[in-house]
Amino acid sequence: MAASSALVRTPETTHRVYFQDCDMLGHLNNARFLDYFLNAREEQVARHYALNMGQLAREQNASWVITKHHLSYLRPARQGEIVRIRTQLIHFDNSNLVIEMQMLNEDSQKLKAVLWSEMTFVKVDSGVRTDHSDELMEMLEQLDVEGIDYDPDGFDDRVRSLRKELKRARSGEEK
């Protein structure tokens, strides 16, 4: 796993919206949003935290499984467009975590979609919930983004808050 100094709490990657991922209107298909988000997170985790999920599963006989998604589609992502995907850990405990993922336009001014993925750490051989190792807990503590009050029922409130934040940022630049 990554060294304890200078972990990026909110990594970002860009991705082109491909033709084959779009519907007849040239919009990213709703089901493909999940693929884009999860692929971006996997790439970011490998790059910024030196964490290989397959290797982790083999070494600890445990891995995270997704138990729930909350996904809000706000603006279309169009064929050929470059989107920016930002991810961050917003909650964790001994065996669970919640990753927030945001899809924005390339210059990060307009929010296209927000996803919360709730995950549970389970034993690979039995599927039974298990606790994170001490080493994982230390890393999760470093990655947990401060200033986001996670409420399992607060997804819609978080989406409204993000939209207002970006709107304020845009109007501040226009002045």
Protein backbone atom coordinates (compact mmCIF):
# COMPACT_ATOMS: atom_id res chain seq x y z
CA MET A 1 0.00 0.00 0.00
CA ALA A 2 0.98 3.63 -0.44
CA ALA A 3 3.28 5.44 1.93
CA SER A 4 1.50 7.41 4.60
CA SER A 5 2.58 10.85 3.37
CA ALA A 6 0.86 12.92 0.69
CA LEU A 7 -2.09 10.74 -0.26
CA VAL A 8 -4.40 12.50 -2.71
CA ARG A 9 -7.81 12.69 -1.06
CA THR A 10 -9.75 13.69 -4.17
CA PRO A 11 -8.07 12.29 -7.28
CA GLU A 12 -9.33 13.29 -10.74
CA THR A 13 -9.08 11.74 -14.16
CA THR A 14 -10.47 12.71 -17.53
CA HIS A 15 -12.20 10.42 -19.99
CA ARG A 16 -13.59 10.80 -23.49
CA VAL A 17 -17.23 9.76 -23.95
CA TYR A 18 -17.13 7.13 -26.67
CA PHE A 19 -19.68 6.63 -29.43
CA GLN A 20 -20.40 3.00 -28.49
CA ASP A 21 -21.31 4.10 -24.94
CA CYS A 22 -24.02 6.50 -26.10
CA ASP A 23 -27.74 6.28 -26.84
CA MET A 24 -29.48 7.43 -30.04
CA LEU A 25 -29.35 11.05 -28.84
CA GLY A 26 -25.57 10.96 -28.47
CA HIS A 27 -25.80 11.00 -24.66
CA LEU A 28 -23.82 8.65 -22.45
CA ASN A 29 -26.11 5.71 -21.70
CA ASN A 30 -27.30 5.74 -18.07
CA ALA A 31 -25.86 2.28 -17.36
CA ARG A 32 -22.44 3.33 -18.71
CA PHE A 33 -22.15 6.11 -16.11
CA LEU A 34 -21.44 3.38 -13.54
CA ASP A 35 -18.71 1.90 -15.73
CA TYR A 36 -17.05 5.29 -16.21
CA PHE A 37 -17.19 6.04 -12.47
CA LEU A 38 -15.95 2.63 -11.30
CA ASN A 39 -13.19 2.44 -13.93
CA ALA A 40 -11.98 5.92 -12.98
CA ARG A 41 -11.90 4.98 -9.29
CA GLU A 42 -10.00 1.76 -9.97
CA GLU A 43 -7.42 3.68 -12.03
CA GLN A 44 -7.10 6.37 -9.35
CA VAL A 45 -6.68 3.85 -6.52
CA ALA A 46 -3.93 2.04 -8.42
CA ARG A 47 -2.16 5.28 -9.39
CA HIS A 48 -2.44 7.31 -6.18
CA TYR A 49 -2.57 4.65 -3.45
CA ALA A 50 -0.56 1.82 -5.07
CA LEU A 51 -3.46 -0.44 -4.18
CA ASN A 52 -4.19 -3.38 -6.46
CA MET A 53 -7.62 -4.75 -5.58
CA GLY A 54 -6.85 -8.27 -6.86
CA GLN A 55 -3.63 -8.43 -4.88
CA LEU A 56 -5.39 -7.09 -1.77
CA ALA A 57 -8.05 -9.80 -2.09
CA ARG A 58 -5.37 -12.51 -2.38
CA GLU A 59 -3.24 -11.19 0.49
CA GLN A 60 -6.07 -10.50 2.95
CA ASN A 61 -8.63 -12.98 1.62
CA ALA A 62 -11.02 -10.03 1.67
CA SER A 63 -12.34 -7.36 -0.65
CA TRP A 64 -14.97 -4.66 -0.89
CA VAL A 65 -18.31 -5.48 -2.47
CA ILE A 66 -20.79 -2.83 -3.48
CA THR A 67 -23.96 -2.98 -1.43
CA LYS A 68 -25.74 0.11 -2.74
CA HIS A 69 -25.49 2.91 -5.29
CA HIS A 70 -27.14 6.33 -5.16
CA LEU A 71 -26.87 7.97 -8.59
CA SER A 72 -28.20 11.30 -9.75
CA TYR A 73 -28.07 12.23 -13.46
CA LEU A 74 -27.97 16.01 -13.76
CA ARG A 75 -26.71 16.86 -17.28
CA PRO A 76 -25.99 14.71 -20.31
CA ALA A 77 -22.45 13.64 -21.08
CA ARG A 78 -22.25 13.84 -24.87
CA GLN A 79 -20.43 11.69 -27.40
CA GLY A 80 -16.87 12.95 -27.96
CA GLU A 81 -16.92 15.16 -24.85
CA ILE A 82 -14.10 15.01 -22.30
CA VAL A 83 -15.46 14.55 -18.78
CA ARG A 84 -13.62 14.91 -15.49
CA ILE A 85 -14.26 12.29 -12.82
CA ARG A 86 -13.44 13.14 -9.23
CA THR A 87 -13.69 10.56 -6.44
CA GLN A 88 -13.32 10.70 -2.68
CA LEU A 89 -13.90 8.69 0.47
CA ILE A 90 -16.64 10.40 2.48
CA HIS A 91 -17.31 7.78 5.17
CA PHE A 92 -15.79 4.62 6.62
CA ASP A 93 -15.98 2.42 9.68
CA ASN A 94 -14.50 -0.97 10.64
CA SER A 95 -15.97 -2.79 7.64
CA ASN A 96 -17.79 -0.27 5.42
CA LEU A 97 -16.97 2.72 3.27
CA VAL A 98 -18.74 5.21 1.03
CA ILE A 99 -17.08 6.67 -2.05
CA GLU A 100 -18.51 9.82 -3.63
CA MET A 101 -17.89 10.19 -7.34
CA GLN A 102 -18.62 13.29 -9.39
CA MET A 103 -18.68 13.61 -13.16
CA LEU A 104 -18.12 17.15 -14.39
CA ASN A 105 -17.41 18.82 -17.69
CA GLU A 106 -13.72 19.11 -18.60
CA ASP A 107 -13.17 22.46 -16.88
CA SER A 108 -14.98 21.28 -13.70
CA GLN A 109 -17.62 24.00 -13.96
CA LYS A 110 -20.75 21.89 -14.53
CA LEU A 111 -21.82 18.84 -12.61
CA LYS A 112 -23.16 16.04 -14.81
CA ALA A 113 -23.73 13.25 -12.29
CA VAL A 114 -23.06 12.28 -8.68
CA LEU A 115 -22.68 8.73 -7.37
CA TRP A 116 -22.37 7.38 -3.86
CA SER A 117 -21.15 3.78 -3.76
CA GLU A 118 -21.58 2.04 -0.42
CA MET A 119 -19.24 -0.91 0.07
CA THR A 120 -18.67 -3.60 2.66
CA PHE A 121 -15.40 -5.43 3.28
CA VAL A 122 -16.05 -9.19 3.10
CA LYS A 123 -14.10 -12.46 3.23
CA VAL A 124 -13.55 -13.71 -0.32
CA ASP A 125 -14.16 -17.37 0.50
CA SER A 126 -17.37 -16.91 2.51
CA GLY A 127 -18.79 -13.50 1.60
CA VAL A 128 -19.08 -12.71 5.32
CA ARG A 129 -18.43 -9.16 6.51
CA THR A 130 -15.01 -8.69 8.07
CA ASP A 131 -13.08 -5.81 9.63
CA HIS A 132 -10.53 -3.73 7.78
CA SER A 133 -6.95 -4.46 8.79
CA ASP A 134 -5.15 -1.88 10.94
CA GLU A 135 -3.09 -0.87 7.90
CA LEU A 136 -6.25 -0.28 5.83
CA MET A 137 -7.85 1.68 8.67
CA GLU A 138 -4.80 3.97 8.83
CA MET A 139 -4.97 4.58 5.09
CA LEU A 140 -8.75 5.19 5.18
CA GLU A 141 -8.24 7.69 7.99
CA GLN A 142 -5.80 9.64 5.81
CA LEU A 143 -8.13 9.52 2.80
CA ASP A 144 -11.38 10.47 4.54
CA VAL A 145 -12.40 13.89 3.22
CA GLU A 146 -13.19 16.34 5.98
CA GLY A 147 -16.05 18.78 5.74
CA ILE A 148 -18.58 16.36 4.26
CA ASP A 149 -21.09 15.25 6.85
CA TYR A 150 -22.14 11.85 5.60
CA ASP A 151 -25.76 10.94 6.25
CA PRO A 152 -26.99 7.70 4.63
CA ASP A 153 -30.28 9.46 3.82
CA GLY A 154 -28.64 12.73 2.77
CA PHE A 155 -27.74 12.00 -0.87
CA ASP A 156 -30.23 14.47 -2.39
CA ASP A 157 -29.09 17.19 0.04
CA ARG A 158 -25.46 16.56 -0.97
CA VAL A 159 -26.31 16.85 -4.67
CA ARG A 160 -28.07 20.19 -4.05
CA SER A 161 -25.08 21.41 -2.05
CA LEU A 162 -22.60 20.48 -4.81
CA ARG A 163 -24.71 22.21 -7.46
CA LYS A 164 -24.92 25.40 -5.39
CA GLU A 165 -21.18 25.31 -4.74
CA LEU A 166 -20.40 25.08 -8.47
CA LYS A 167 -22.95 27.77 -9.32
CA ARG A 168 -21.34 30.13 -6.79
CA ALA A 169 -17.90 29.35 -8.21
CA ARG A 170 -19.10 30.06 -11.77
CA SER A 171 -20.79 33.35 -10.83
CA GLY A 172 -17.66 34.43 -8.94
CA GLU A 173 -15.59 33.90 -12.09
CA GLU A 174 -18.08 35.83 -14.23
CA LYS A 175 -17.72 38.98 -12.14
